[in-house]
């Protein structure tokens, strides 16, 4: 299952993103989107979870939660 995450802190890293979602199950990939010209975070990311049920639980519990002072938005992709 692929999950979209929005409104991350500008200093958020792939490692931070992975760590948050690993609490819910096996993470296959976690990546913060970055501007290719300056390397700065675009403040969103994608997480791929091994099991759909783990991803659904993560979405349910993390959506609209506060992470590093930001209210994040977490939702499934249409892929």
PDB file of N, CA and C in Angstrom:
ATOM      1  N   UNK A   1       0.844  -1.177   0.000  1.00  0.00           N
ATOM      2  CA  UNK A   1       0.000   0.000   0.000  1.00  0.00           C
ATOM      3  C   UNK A   1       0.884   1.234   0.000  1.00  0.00           C
ATOM      4  N   UNK A   2       0.553   2.198  -0.846  1.00  0.00           N
ATOM      5  CA  UNK A   2       1.316   3.440  -0.923  1.00  0.00           C
ATOM      6  C   UNK A   2       0.498   4.560  -0.288  1.00  0.00           C
ATOM      7  N   UNK A   3       1.159   5.309   0.581  1.00  0.00           N
ATOM      8  CA  UNK A   3       0.511   6.341   1.385  1.00  0.00           C
ATOM      9  C   UNK A   3       1.172   7.689   1.098  1.00  0.00           C
ATOM     10  N   UNK A   4       0.352   8.719   1.001  1.00  0.00           N
ATOM     11  CA  UNK A   4       0.841  10.083   0.829  1.00  0.00           C
ATOM     12  C   UNK A   4       0.826  10.787   2.175  1.00  0.00           C
ATOM     13  N   UNK A   5       1.861  11.579   2.429  1.00  0.00           N
ATOM     14  CA  UNK A   5       1.960  12.327   3.676  1.00  0.00           C
ATOM     15  C   UNK A   5       2.236  13.787   3.319  1.00  0.00           C
ATOM     16  N   UNK A   6       1.432  14.701   3.856  1.00  0.00           N
ATOM     17  CA  UNK A   6       1.558  16.119   3.543  1.00  0.00           C
ATOM     18  C   UNK A   6       1.777  16.956   4.798  1.00  0.00           C
ATOM     19  N   UNK A   7       2.368  18.130   4.605  1.00  0.00           N
ATOM     20  CA  UNK A   7       2.624  19.139   5.638  1.00  0.00           C
ATOM     21  C   UNK A   7       3.691  18.701   6.639  1.00  0.00           C
ATOM     22  N   UNK A   8       4.719  18.048   6.150  1.00  0.00           N
ATOM     23  CA  UNK A   8       5.841  17.663   7.005  1.00  0.00           C
ATOM     24  C   UNK A   8       6.682  18.894   7.346  1.00  0.00           C
ATOM     25  N   UNK A   9       7.392  18.818   8.438  1.00  0.00           N
ATOM     26  CA  UNK A   9       8.340  19.860   8.811  1.00  0.00           C
ATOM     27  C   UNK A   9       9.400  19.969   7.710  1.00  0.00           C
ATOM     28  N   UNK A  10       9.899  21.170   7.425  1.00  0.00           N
ATOM     29  CA  UNK A  10      10.902  21.327   6.363  1.00  0.00           C
ATOM     30  C   UNK A  10      12.191  20.520   6.600  1.00  0.00           C
ATOM     31  N   UNK A  11      12.485  20.198   7.849  1.00  0.00           N
ATOM     32  CA  UNK A  11      13.709  19.456   8.180  1.00  0.00           C
ATOM     33  C   UNK A  11      13.509  17.946   8.191  1.00  0.00           C
ATOM     34  N   UNK A  12      12.319  17.477   7.858  1.00  0.00           N
ATOM     35  CA  UNK A  12      12.001  16.055   7.899  1.00  0.00           C
ATOM     36  C   UNK A  12      12.844  15.279   6.892  1.00  0.00           C
ATOM     37  N   UNK A  13      13.310  14.085   7.298  1.00  0.00           N
ATOM     38  CA  UNK A  13      14.129  13.244   6.425  1.00  0.00           C
ATOM     39  C   UNK A  13      13.424  11.926   6.131  1.00  0.00           C
ATOM     40  N   UNK A  14      13.967  11.197   5.162  1.00  0.00           N
ATOM     41  CA  UNK A  14      13.432   9.867   4.838  1.00  0.00           C
ATOM     42  C   UNK A  14      13.460   8.973   6.081  1.00  0.00           C
ATOM     43  N   UNK A  15      14.533   9.081   6.840  1.00  0.00           N
ATOM     44  CA  UNK A  15      14.699   8.255   8.043  1.00  0.00           C
ATOM     45  C   UNK A  15      13.605   8.553   9.074  1.00  0.00           C
ATOM     46  N   UNK A  16      13.302   9.835   9.280  1.00  0.00           N
ATOM     47  CA  UNK A  16      12.219  10.222  10.202  1.00  0.00           C
ATOM     48  C   UNK A  16      10.886   9.638   9.748  1.00  0.00           C
ATOM     49  N   UNK A  17      10.611   9.763   8.461  1.00  0.00           N
ATOM     50  CA  UNK A  17       9.351   9.278   7.905  1.00  0.00           C
ATOM     51  C   UNK A  17       9.218   7.770   8.087  1.00  0.00           C
ATOM     52  N   UNK A  18      10.288   7.056   7.774  1.00  0.00           N
ATOM     53  CA  UNK A  18      10.288   5.594   7.940  1.00  0.00           C
ATOM     54  C   UNK A  18      10.020   5.212   9.390  1.00  0.00           C
ATOM     55  N   UNK A  19      10.687   5.883  10.318  1.00  0.00           N
ATOM     56  CA  UNK A  19      10.563   5.547  11.738  1.00  0.00           C
ATOM     57  C   UNK A  19       9.126   5.695  12.231  1.00  0.00           C
ATOM     58  N   UNK A  20       8.437   6.737  11.815  1.00  0.00           N
ATOM     59  CA  UNK A  20       7.050   6.951  12.238  1.00  0.00           C
ATOM     60  C   UNK A  20       6.145   5.812  11.762  1.00  0.00           C
ATOM     61  N   UNK A  21       6.327   5.381  10.519  1.00  0.00           N
ATOM     62  CA  UNK A  21       5.441   4.361   9.954  1.00  0.00           C
ATOM     63  C   UNK A  21       5.833   2.946  10.352  1.00  0.00           C
ATOM     64  N   UNK A  22       7.088   2.719  10.734  1.00  0.00           N
ATOM     65  CA  UNK A  22       7.504   1.383  11.168  1.00  0.00           C
ATOM     66  C   UNK A  22       6.782   0.938  12.440  1.00  0.00           C
ATOM     67  N   UNK A  23       6.239   1.871  13.176  1.00  0.00           N
ATOM     68  CA  UNK A  23       5.471   1.527  14.377  1.00  0.00           C
ATOM     69  C   UNK A  23       4.209   0.740  14.013  1.00  0.00           C
ATOM     70  N   UNK A  24       3.801   0.800  12.732  1.00  0.00           N
ATOM     71  CA  UNK A  24       2.568   0.144  12.289  1.00  0.00           C
ATOM     72  C   UNK A  24       2.805  -1.119  11.477  1.00  0.00           C
ATOM     73  N   UNK A  25       4.048  -1.362  11.057  1.00  0.00           N
ATOM     74  CA  UNK A  25       4.346  -2.552  10.268  1.00  0.00           C
ATOM     75  C   UNK A  25       5.570  -2.348   9.389  1.00  0.00           C
ATOM     76  N   UNK A  26       5.783  -3.284   8.492  1.00  0.00           N
ATOM     77  CA  UNK A  26       6.956  -3.261   7.628  1.00  0.00           C
ATOM     78  C   UNK A  26       6.831  -2.169   6.567  1.00  0.00           C
ATOM     79  N   UNK A  27       7.839  -1.294   6.523  1.00  0.00           N
ATOM     80  CA  UNK A  27       7.897  -0.220   5.533  1.00  0.00           C
ATOM     81  C   UNK A  27       8.858  -0.649   4.431  1.00  0.00           C
ATOM     82  N   UNK A  28       8.356  -0.692   3.206  1.00  0.00           N
ATOM     83  CA  UNK A  28       9.199  -1.050   2.065  1.00  0.00           C
ATOM     84  C   UNK A  28      10.000   0.144   1.566  1.00  0.00           C
ATOM     85  N   UNK A  29       9.404   1.341   1.642  1.00  0.00           N
ATOM     86  CA  UNK A  29      10.073   2.542   1.170  1.00  0.00           C
ATOM     87  C   UNK A  29       9.442   3.753   1.845  1.00  0.00           C
ATOM     88  N   UNK A  30      10.269   4.719   2.197  1.00  0.00           N
ATOM     89  CA  UNK A  30       9.794   5.982   2.766  1.00  0.00           C
ATOM     90  C   UNK A  30      10.667   7.085   2.192  1.00  0.00           C
ATOM     91  N   UNK A  31      10.022   8.041   1.546  1.00  0.00           N
ATOM     92  CA  UNK A  31      10.792   9.064   0.846  1.00  0.00           C
ATOM     93  C   UNK A  31      10.124  10.436   0.962  1.00  0.00           C
ATOM     94  N   UNK A  32      10.901  11.410   1.417  1.00  0.00           N
ATOM     95  CA  UNK A  32      10.449  12.794   1.459  1.00  0.00           C
ATOM     96  C   UNK A  32      10.752  13.407   0.103  1.00  0.00           C
ATOM     97  N   UNK A  33       9.772  14.064  -0.481  1.00  0.00           N
ATOM     98  CA  UNK A  33       9.949  14.709  -1.784  1.00  0.00           C
ATOM     99  C   UNK A  33      10.838  15.943  -1.614  1.00  0.00           C
ATOM    100  N   UNK A  34      11.792  16.091  -2.526  1.00  0.00           N
ATOM    101  CA  UNK A  34      12.734  17.220  -2.455  1.00  0.00           C
ATOM    102  C   UNK A  34      12.800  17.971  -3.776  1.00  0.00           C
ATOM    103  N   UNK A  35      13.044  19.263  -3.680  1.00  0.00           N
ATOM    104  CA  UNK A  35      13.232  20.093  -4.856  1.00  0.00           C
ATOM    105  C   UNK A  35      14.553  19.687  -5.505  1.00  0.00           C
ATOM    106  N   UNK A  36      14.551  19.322  -6.790  1.00  0.00           N
ATOM    107  CA  UNK A  36      15.779  18.852  -7.436  1.00  0.00           C
ATOM    108  C   UNK A  36      16.843  19.937  -7.607  1.00  0.00           C
ATOM    109  N   UNK A  37      16.462  21.177  -7.506  1.00  0.00           N
ATOM    110  CA  UNK A  37      17.421  22.270  -7.727  1.00  0.00           C
ATOM    111  C   UNK A  37      18.145  22.702  -6.460  1.00  0.00           C
ATOM    112  N   UNK A  38      17.430  22.703  -5.327  1.00  0.00           N
ATOM    113  CA  UNK A  38      18.084  23.161  -4.098  1.00  0.00           C
ATOM    114  C   UNK A  38      18.120  22.100  -2.990  1.00  0.00           C
ATOM    115  N   UNK A  39      17.492  20.950  -3.221  1.00  0.00           N
ATOM    116  CA  UNK A  39      17.517  19.855  -2.254  1.00  0.00           C
ATOM    117  C   UNK A  39      16.612  20.043  -1.051  1.00  0.00           C
ATOM    118  N   UNK A  40      15.874  21.132  -1.009  1.00  0.00           N
ATOM    119  CA  UNK A  40      14.981  21.372   0.121  1.00  0.00           C
ATOM    120  C   UNK A  40      13.743  20.488   0.035  1.00  0.00           C
ATOM    121  N   UNK A  41      13.211  20.186   1.201  1.00  0.00           N
ATOM    122  CA  UNK A  41      12.004  19.369   1.286  1.00  0.00           C
ATOM    123  C   UNK A  41      10.817  20.102   0.673  1.00  0.00           C
ATOM    124  N   UNK A  42       9.994  19.367  -0.050  1.00  0.00           N
ATOM    125  CA  UNK A  42       8.727  19.906  -0.558  1.00  0.00           C
ATOM    126  C   UNK A  42       7.627  19.743   0.482  1.00  0.00           C
ATOM    127  N   UNK A  43       7.996  19.245   1.667  1.00  0.00           N
ATOM    128  CA  UNK A  43       7.114  19.063   2.815  1.00  0.00           C
ATOM    129  C   UNK A  43       6.043  18.005   2.604  1.00  0.00           C
ATOM    130  N   UNK A  44       6.306  17.061   1.704  1.00  0.00           N
ATOM    131  CA  UNK A  44       5.410  15.919   1.545  1.00  0.00           C
ATOM    132  C   UNK A  44       6.257  14.684   1.268  1.00  0.00           C
ATOM    133  N   UNK A  45       5.624  13.532   1.383  1.00  0.00           N
ATOM    134  CA  UNK A  45       6.363  12.297   1.165  1.00  0.00           C
ATOM    135  C   UNK A  45       5.444  11.144   0.813  1.00  0.00           C
ATOM    136  N   UNK A  46       6.075  10.028   0.486  1.00  0.00           N
ATOM    137  CA  UNK A  46       5.357   8.805   0.138  1.00  0.00           C
ATOM    138  C   UNK A  46       5.936   7.674   0.979  1.00  0.00           C
ATOM    139  N   UNK A  47       5.052   6.806   1.452  1.00  0.00           N
ATOM    140  CA  UNK A  47       5.461   5.645   2.230  1.00  0.00           C
ATOM    141  C   UNK A  47       4.806   4.423   1.606  1.00  0.00           C
ATOM    142  N   UNK A  48       5.598   3.376   1.400  1.00  0.00           N
ATOM    143  CA  UNK A  48       5.049   2.116   0.901  1.00  0.00           C
ATOM    144  C   UNK A  48       5.111   1.092   2.019  1.00  0.00           C
ATOM    145  N   UNK A  49       3.937   0.598   2.396  1.00  0.00           N
ATOM    146  CA  UNK A  49       3.830  -0.405   3.459  1.00  0.00           C
ATOM    147  C   UNK A  49       3.630  -1.782   2.830  1.00  0.00           C
ATOM    148  N   UNK A  50       4.193  -2.811   3.448  1.00  0.00           N
ATOM    149  CA  UNK A  50       4.067  -4.173   2.943  1.00  0.00           C
ATOM    150  C   UNK A  50       2.613  -4.652   2.977  1.00  0.00           C
ATOM    151  N   UNK A  51       1.941  -4.439   4.093  1.00  0.00           N
ATOM    152  CA  UNK A  51       0.569  -4.935   4.255  1.00  0.00           C
ATOM    153  C   UNK A  51      -0.441  -3.788   4.227  1.00  0.00           C
ATOM    154  N   UNK A  52      -1.489  -3.982   3.466  1.00  0.00           N
ATOM    155  CA  UNK A  52      -2.548  -2.980   3.358  1.00  0.00           C
ATOM    156  C   UNK A  52      -3.161  -2.664   4.712  1.00  0.00           C
ATOM    157  N   UNK A  53      -3.403  -3.681   5.525  1.00  0.00           N
ATOM    158  CA  UNK A  53      -4.030  -3.440   6.825  1.00  0.00           C
ATOM    159  C   UNK A  53      -3.140  -2.598   7.742  1.00  0.00           C
ATOM    160  N   UNK A  54      -1.826  -2.755   7.636  1.00  0.00           N
ATOM    161  CA  UNK A  54      -0.902  -1.918   8.423  1.00  0.00           C
ATOM    162  C   UNK A  54      -0.970  -0.473   7.944  1.00  0.00           C
ATOM    163  N   UNK A  55      -1.024  -0.296   6.632  1.00  0.00           N
ATOM    164  CA  UNK A  55      -1.130   1.047   6.064  1.00  0.00           C
ATOM    165  C   UNK A  55      -2.426   1.732   6.460  1.00  0.00           C
ATOM    166  N   UNK A  56      -3.519   0.981   6.438  1.00  0.00           N
ATOM    167  CA  UNK A  56      -4.816   1.544   6.820  1.00  0.00           C
ATOM    168  C   UNK A  56      -4.826   1.975   8.285  1.00  0.00           C
ATOM    169  N   UNK A  57      -4.193   1.187   9.133  1.00  0.00           N
ATOM    170  CA  UNK A  57      -4.116   1.542  10.558  1.00  0.00           C
ATOM    171  C   UNK A  57      -3.260   2.795  10.740  1.00  0.00           C
ATOM    172  N   UNK A  58      -2.139   2.880  10.022  1.00  0.00           N
ATOM    173  CA  UNK A  58      -1.274   4.057  10.101  1.00  0.00           C
ATOM    174  C   UNK A  58      -2.028   5.307   9.653  1.00  0.00           C
ATOM    175  N   UNK A  59      -2.779   5.196   8.563  1.00  0.00           N
ATOM    176  CA  UNK A  59      -3.557   6.337   8.066  1.00  0.00           C
ATOM    177  C   UNK A  59      -4.564   6.779   9.114  1.00  0.00           C
ATOM    178  N   UNK A  60      -5.276   5.824   9.662  1.00  0.00           N
ATOM    179  CA  UNK A  60      -6.312   6.129  10.654  1.00  0.00           C
ATOM    180  C   UNK A  60      -5.736   6.852  11.870  1.00  0.00           C
ATOM    181  N   UNK A  61      -4.576   6.410  12.345  1.00  0.00           N
ATOM    182  CA  UNK A  61      -4.016   6.970  13.568  1.00  0.00           C
ATOM    183  C   UNK A  61      -3.138   8.199  13.346  1.00  0.00           C
ATOM    184  N   UNK A  62      -2.536   8.331  12.172  1.00  0.00           N
ATOM    185  CA  UNK A  62      -1.627   9.452  11.934  1.00  0.00           C
ATOM    186  C   UNK A  62      -2.264  10.655  11.251  1.00  0.00           C
ATOM    187  N   UNK A  63      -3.342  10.443  10.491  1.00  0.00           N
ATOM    188  CA  UNK A  63      -3.961  11.568   9.799  1.00  0.00           C
ATOM    189  C   UNK A  63      -4.455  12.600  10.809  1.00  0.00           C
ATOM    190  N   UNK A  64      -4.089  13.856  10.563  1.00  0.00           N
ATOM    191  CA  UNK A  64      -4.447  15.000  11.422  1.00  0.00           C
ATOM    192  C   UNK A  64      -3.734  14.960  12.774  1.00  0.00           C
ATOM    193  N   UNK A  65      -2.642  14.189  12.868  1.00  0.00           N
ATOM    194  CA  UNK A  65      -1.865  14.175  14.105  1.00  0.00           C
ATOM    195  C   UNK A  65      -0.762  15.225  14.016  1.00  0.00           C
ATOM    196  N   UNK A  66      -0.205  15.578  15.160  1.00  0.00           N
ATOM    197  CA  UNK A  66       0.860  16.572  15.202  1.00  0.00           C
ATOM    198  C   UNK A  66       2.201  15.851  15.247  1.00  0.00           C
ATOM    199  N   UNK A  67       3.047  16.158  14.262  1.00  0.00           N
ATOM    200  CA  UNK A  67       4.391  15.580  14.177  1.00  0.00           C
ATOM    201  C   UNK A  67       5.373  16.735  14.002  1.00  0.00           C
ATOM    202  N   UNK A  68       6.286  16.875  14.946  1.00  0.00           N
ATOM    203  CA  UNK A  68       7.266  17.959  14.952  1.00  0.00           C
ATOM    204  C   UNK A  68       6.602  19.324  14.771  1.00  0.00           C
ATOM    205  N   UNK A  69       5.491  19.518  15.502  1.00  0.00           N
ATOM    206  CA  UNK A  69       4.819  20.808  15.506  1.00  0.00           C
ATOM    207  C   UNK A  69       3.913  21.083  14.320  1.00  0.00           C
ATOM    208  N   UNK A  70       3.760  20.123  13.416  1.00  0.00           N
ATOM    209  CA  UNK A  70       2.912  20.296  12.232  1.00  0.00           C
ATOM    210  C   UNK A  70       1.771  19.288  12.256  1.00  0.00           C
ATOM    211  N   UNK A  71       0.586  19.731  11.851  1.00  0.00           N
ATOM    212  CA  UNK A  71      -0.534  18.803  11.690  1.00  0.00           C
ATOM    213  C   UNK A  71      -0.393  18.185  10.309  1.00  0.00           C
ATOM    214  N   UNK A  72      -0.106  16.879  10.284  1.00  0.00           N
ATOM    215  CA  UNK A  72       0.120  16.211   9.007  1.00  0.00           C
ATOM    216  C   UNK A  72      -1.177  15.623   8.450  1.00  0.00           C
ATOM    217  N   UNK A  73      -1.184  15.464   7.150  1.00  0.00           N
ATOM    218  CA  UNK A  73      -2.299  14.833   6.454  1.00  0.00           C
ATOM    219  C   UNK A  73      -1.774  13.527   5.863  1.00  0.00           C
ATOM    220  N   UNK A  74      -2.474  12.430   6.109  1.00  0.00           N
ATOM    221  CA  UNK A  74      -2.029  11.109   5.668  1.00  0.00           C
ATOM    222  C   UNK A  74      -3.198  10.436   4.936  1.00  0.00           C
ATOM    223  N   UNK A  75      -2.948   9.991   3.706  1.00  0.00           N
ATOM    224  CA  UNK A  75      -4.026   9.368   2.926  1.00  0.00           C
ATOM    225  C   UNK A  75      -3.455   8.338   1.948  1.00  0.00           C
ATOM    226  N   UNK A  76      -4.294   7.384   1.520  1.00  0.00           N
ATOM    227  CA  UNK A  76      -3.829   6.417   0.541  1.00  0.00           C
ATOM    228  C   UNK A  76      -3.709   7.071  -0.847  1.00  0.00           C
ATOM    229  N   UNK A  77      -2.825   6.541  -1.663  1.00  0.00           N
ATOM    230  CA  UNK A  77      -2.737   7.020  -3.046  1.00  0.00           C
ATOM    231  C   UNK A  77      -3.770   6.275  -3.869  1.00  0.00           C
ATOM    232  N   UNK A  78      -3.957   6.699  -5.079  1.00  0.00           N
ATOM    233  CA  UNK A  78      -4.891   6.050  -5.984  1.00  0.00           C
ATOM    234  C   UNK A  78      -4.216   4.987  -6.825  1.00  0.00           C
ATOM    235  N   UNK A  79      -2.955   4.676  -6.521  1.00  0.00           N
ATOM    236  CA  UNK A  79      -2.195   3.694  -7.300  1.00  0.00           C
ATOM    237  C   UNK A  79      -2.539   2.298  -6.885  1.00  0.00           C
TER     238      UNK A  79
END
